[in-house]
Amino acid sequence: TSHFVALQIGVLLKGTCYLAEEIFHIHSRYHGSFWRVLSACFPLRWHGPMLLICGSACVALNGDGQPLDFHLGLASVCQLLILALGLH
């Protein structure tokens, strides 16, 4: 479950990076529509599975005694390293 959460965090981080870049082209590419920018950076087919996986991960990770913030932070750092090093 934590692997799937890490993958979803990777998609979220990558989408956030795309959003930071695409926001500068909001008028030229998306005719001023912020919702078009969001749908280009975060595909709609991604939202349902992401919510399902993250919900099940929260339930699974709360049972091991470590705080949930620790697990999510560790997964985020790992995904940022994978993206930064070009391993994805």
N, C-alpha and C. Protein backbone atom coordinates (compact mmCIF):
# COMPACT_ATOMS: atom_id res chain seq x y z
N THR A 1 0.83 -1.19 0.00
CA THR A 1 0.00 0.00 0.00
C THR A 1 0.87 1.25 0.00
N SER A 2 1.94 1.22 0.77
CA SER A 2 2.79 2.41 0.81
C SER A 2 3.48 2.65 -0.53
N HIS A 3 3.74 1.59 -1.28
CA HIS A 3 4.31 1.76 -2.62
C HIS A 3 3.34 2.50 -3.53
N PHE A 4 2.06 2.14 -3.48
CA PHE A 4 1.07 2.83 -4.29
C PHE A 4 0.90 4.27 -3.86
N VAL A 5 0.99 4.52 -2.56
CA VAL A 5 0.92 5.89 -2.07
C VAL A 5 2.11 6.69 -2.60
N ALA A 6 3.30 6.06 -2.57
CA ALA A 6 4.49 6.75 -3.08
C ALA A 6 4.34 7.06 -4.56
N LEU A 7 3.77 6.15 -5.32
CA LEU A 7 3.55 6.42 -6.74
C LEU A 7 2.57 7.57 -6.94
N GLN A 8 1.50 7.60 -6.15
CA GLN A 8 0.53 8.67 -6.27
C GLN A 8 1.13 10.00 -5.83
N ILE A 9 1.97 9.98 -4.81
CA ILE A 9 2.65 11.21 -4.40
C ILE A 9 3.55 11.70 -5.53
N GLY A 10 4.19 10.75 -6.22
CA GLY A 10 5.03 11.12 -7.36
C GLY A 10 4.23 11.80 -8.45
N VAL A 11 3.05 11.27 -8.75
CA VAL A 11 2.17 11.88 -9.75
C VAL A 11 1.73 13.27 -9.29
N LEU A 12 1.41 13.39 -8.01
CA LEU A 12 1.00 14.68 -7.47
C LEU A 12 2.13 15.70 -7.54
N LEU A 13 3.34 15.29 -7.20
CA LEU A 13 4.48 16.20 -7.26
C LEU A 13 4.81 16.60 -8.69
N LYS A 14 4.73 15.64 -9.59
CA LYS A 14 5.00 15.95 -11.00
C LYS A 14 3.94 16.90 -11.55
N GLY A 15 2.68 16.67 -11.20
CA GLY A 15 1.61 17.57 -11.62
C GLY A 15 1.78 18.97 -11.06
N THR A 16 2.26 19.04 -9.82
CA THR A 16 2.51 20.34 -9.20
C THR A 16 3.63 21.08 -9.93
N CYS A 17 4.66 20.36 -10.33
CA CYS A 17 5.74 20.98 -11.11
C CYS A 17 5.24 21.46 -12.46
N TYR A 18 4.41 20.64 -13.12
CA TYR A 18 3.81 21.06 -14.39
C TYR A 18 2.94 22.29 -14.20
N LEU A 19 2.19 22.32 -13.11
CA LEU A 19 1.32 23.46 -12.83
C LEU A 19 2.13 24.73 -12.65
N ALA A 20 3.26 24.62 -11.93
CA ALA A 20 4.12 25.80 -11.72
C ALA A 20 4.66 26.32 -13.04
N GLU A 21 4.90 25.44 -14.00
CA GLU A 21 5.40 25.87 -15.30
C GLU A 21 4.27 26.38 -16.20
N GLU A 22 3.14 25.70 -16.20
CA GLU A 22 2.04 26.04 -17.10
C GLU A 22 1.29 27.29 -16.67
N ILE A 23 1.40 27.69 -15.42
CA ILE A 23 0.68 28.87 -14.95
C ILE A 23 1.16 30.13 -15.68
N PHE A 24 2.40 30.10 -16.17
CA PHE A 24 2.93 31.24 -16.91
C PHE A 24 2.35 31.32 -18.33
N HIS A 25 1.74 30.24 -18.80
CA HIS A 25 1.17 30.20 -20.15
C HIS A 25 -0.36 30.17 -20.12
N ILE A 26 -0.95 30.63 -19.03
CA ILE A 26 -2.39 30.53 -18.85
C ILE A 26 -3.15 31.31 -19.92
N HIS A 27 -2.63 32.44 -20.34
CA HIS A 27 -3.35 33.24 -21.33
C HIS A 27 -3.06 32.79 -22.76
N SER A 28 -1.84 32.39 -23.04
CA SER A 28 -1.51 32.02 -24.41
C SER A 28 -1.99 30.63 -24.79
N ARG A 29 -1.92 29.68 -23.87
CA ARG A 29 -2.30 28.29 -24.19
C ARG A 29 -3.72 27.93 -23.75
N TYR A 30 -4.18 28.51 -22.64
CA TYR A 30 -5.44 28.08 -22.04
C TYR A 30 -6.50 29.17 -22.03
N HIS A 31 -6.26 30.26 -22.71
CA HIS A 31 -7.22 31.37 -22.86
C HIS A 31 -7.72 31.88 -21.52
N GLY A 32 -6.82 31.93 -20.53
CA GLY A 32 -7.16 32.48 -19.22
C GLY A 32 -7.93 31.56 -18.30
N SER A 33 -8.15 30.31 -18.67
CA SER A 33 -8.93 29.39 -17.86
C SER A 33 -8.02 28.57 -16.93
N PHE A 34 -8.14 28.84 -15.64
CA PHE A 34 -7.34 28.11 -14.66
C PHE A 34 -7.75 26.64 -14.60
N TRP A 35 -9.04 26.35 -14.84
CA TRP A 35 -9.52 24.96 -14.80
C TRP A 35 -8.92 24.14 -15.93
N ARG A 36 -8.67 24.75 -17.08
CA ARG A 36 -8.01 24.03 -18.17
C ARG A 36 -6.57 23.70 -17.82
N VAL A 37 -5.92 24.62 -17.12
CA VAL A 37 -4.55 24.36 -16.67
C VAL A 37 -4.54 23.20 -15.69
N LEU A 38 -5.47 23.20 -14.74
CA LEU A 38 -5.54 22.11 -13.76
C LEU A 38 -5.82 20.77 -14.42
N SER A 39 -6.74 20.74 -15.38
CA SER A 39 -7.05 19.47 -16.03
C SER A 39 -5.90 18.99 -16.92
N ALA A 40 -5.06 19.90 -17.41
CA ALA A 40 -3.90 19.50 -18.19
C ALA A 40 -2.80 18.95 -17.29
N CYS A 41 -2.68 19.48 -16.09
CA CYS A 41 -1.60 19.05 -15.18
C CYS A 41 -1.99 17.86 -14.32
N PHE A 42 -3.26 17.75 -13.99
CA PHE A 42 -3.75 16.65 -13.16
C PHE A 42 -4.88 15.95 -13.91
N PRO A 43 -4.60 14.85 -14.60
CA PRO A 43 -5.63 14.17 -15.39
C PRO A 43 -6.79 13.70 -14.51
N LEU A 44 -8.00 13.82 -15.03
CA LEU A 44 -9.20 13.47 -14.27
C LEU A 44 -9.25 11.98 -13.93
N ARG A 45 -8.69 11.13 -14.76
CA ARG A 45 -8.72 9.70 -14.48
C ARG A 45 -7.86 9.34 -13.28
N TRP A 46 -7.06 10.28 -12.82
CA TRP A 46 -6.15 10.05 -11.72
C TRP A 46 -6.82 10.25 -10.37
N HIS A 47 -7.86 11.08 -10.28
CA HIS A 47 -8.43 11.46 -8.99
C HIS A 47 -9.09 10.31 -8.25
N GLY A 48 -9.88 9.51 -8.91
CA GLY A 48 -10.58 8.40 -8.24
C GLY A 48 -9.63 7.38 -7.64
N PRO A 49 -8.73 6.81 -8.44
CA PRO A 49 -7.79 5.84 -7.86
C PRO A 49 -6.89 6.45 -6.78
N MET A 50 -6.53 7.71 -6.94
CA MET A 50 -5.69 8.36 -5.94
C MET A 50 -6.39 8.43 -4.60
N LEU A 51 -7.64 8.82 -4.60
CA LEU A 51 -8.39 8.90 -3.34
C LEU A 51 -8.56 7.53 -2.71
N LEU A 52 -8.83 6.51 -3.52
CA LEU A 52 -9.00 5.16 -3.02
C LEU A 52 -7.71 4.63 -2.41
N ILE A 53 -6.61 4.80 -3.10
CA ILE A 53 -5.33 4.29 -2.63
C ILE A 53 -4.85 5.04 -1.39
N CYS A 54 -4.98 6.35 -1.41
CA CYS A 54 -4.54 7.13 -0.26
C CYS A 54 -5.40 6.85 0.97
N GLY A 55 -6.68 6.64 0.76
CA GLY A 55 -7.55 6.29 1.88
C GLY A 55 -7.18 4.96 2.50
N SER A 56 -6.93 3.96 1.65
CA SER A 56 -6.54 2.66 2.19
C SER A 56 -5.15 2.71 2.81
N ALA A 57 -4.27 3.55 2.29
CA ALA A 57 -2.94 3.68 2.86
C ALA A 57 -3.00 4.33 4.24
N CYS A 58 -3.86 5.30 4.41
CA CYS A 58 -4.00 5.93 5.72
C CYS A 58 -4.44 4.92 6.76
N VAL A 59 -5.36 4.05 6.39
CA VAL A 59 -5.83 3.01 7.31
C VAL A 59 -4.71 2.03 7.60
N ALA A 60 -3.96 1.63 6.58
CA ALA A 60 -2.89 0.64 6.76
C ALA A 60 -1.71 1.20 7.54
N LEU A 61 -1.34 2.44 7.28
CA LEU A 61 -0.15 3.00 7.91
C LEU A 61 -0.38 3.45 9.35
N ASN A 62 -1.61 3.66 9.74
CA ASN A 62 -1.87 4.07 11.12
C ASN A 62 -1.68 2.93 12.11
N GLY A 63 -1.65 1.70 11.63
CA GLY A 63 -1.56 0.56 12.52
C GLY A 63 -0.16 0.20 12.96
N ASP A 64 0.90 0.81 12.44
CA ASP A 64 2.25 0.38 12.79
C ASP A 64 2.89 1.22 13.90
N GLY A 65 2.20 2.17 14.45
CA GLY A 65 2.73 2.94 15.57
C GLY A 65 3.48 4.20 15.19
N GLN A 66 3.92 4.32 13.95
CA GLN A 66 4.60 5.53 13.50
C GLN A 66 3.56 6.57 13.10
N PRO A 67 3.87 7.85 13.26
CA PRO A 67 2.91 8.88 12.82
C PRO A 67 2.76 8.88 11.30
N LEU A 68 1.57 9.18 10.85
CA LEU A 68 1.28 9.19 9.41
C LEU A 68 2.11 10.25 8.70
N ASP A 69 2.37 11.37 9.35
CA ASP A 69 3.19 12.43 8.74
C ASP A 69 4.59 11.92 8.40
N PHE A 70 5.13 11.07 9.25
CA PHE A 70 6.45 10.50 9.01
C PHE A 70 6.46 9.68 7.73
N HIS A 71 5.45 8.83 7.56
CA HIS A 71 5.37 7.98 6.37
C HIS A 71 5.18 8.80 5.10
N LEU A 72 4.28 9.76 5.15
CA LEU A 72 4.03 10.58 3.96
C LEU A 72 5.22 11.46 3.63
N GLY A 73 5.90 11.98 4.64
CA GLY A 73 7.10 12.78 4.40
C GLY A 73 8.21 11.95 3.80
N LEU A 74 8.41 10.75 4.30
CA LEU A 74 9.43 9.87 3.76
C LEU A 74 9.13 9.48 2.32
N ALA A 75 7.87 9.18 2.04
CA ALA A 75 7.48 8.84 0.67
C ALA A 75 7.66 10.04 -0.26
N SER A 76 7.37 11.24 0.23
CA SER A 76 7.53 12.45 -0.59
C SER A 76 8.99 12.71 -0.91
N VAL A 77 9.86 12.56 0.08
CA VAL A 77 11.28 12.77 -0.15
C VAL A 77 11.82 11.74 -1.14
N CYS A 78 11.40 10.49 -1.00
CA CYS A 78 11.84 9.45 -1.93
C CYS A 78 11.39 9.76 -3.36
N GLN A 79 10.15 10.19 -3.52
CA GLN A 79 9.65 10.51 -4.86
C GLN A 79 10.36 11.73 -5.44
N LEU A 80 10.65 12.73 -4.62
CA LEU A 80 11.39 13.89 -5.12
C LEU A 80 12.79 13.50 -5.58
N LEU A 81 13.45 12.60 -4.84
CA LEU A 81 14.76 12.13 -5.27
C LEU A 81 14.68 11.34 -6.57
N ILE A 82 13.67 10.52 -6.71
CA ILE A 82 13.49 9.73 -7.94
C ILE A 82 13.28 10.67 -9.12
N LEU A 83 12.45 11.70 -8.94
CA LEU A 83 12.19 12.65 -10.03
C LEU A 83 13.44 13.49 -10.32
N ALA A 84 14.13 13.93 -9.26
CA ALA A 84 15.31 14.77 -9.46
C ALA A 84 16.46 14.03 -10.13
N LEU A 85 16.61 12.77 -9.81
CA LEU A 85 17.69 11.98 -10.38
C LEU A 85 17.33 11.36 -11.73
N GLY A 86 16.09 11.53 -12.16
CA GLY A 86 15.66 11.01 -13.45
C GLY A 86 15.50 9.50 -13.47
N LEU A 87 15.17 8.91 -12.34
CA LEU A 87 15.02 7.47 -12.27
C LEU A 87 13.61 6.98 -12.58
N HIS A 88 12.68 7.90 -12.71
CA HIS A 88 11.29 7.50 -12.95
C HIS A 88 11.07 7.19 -14.40
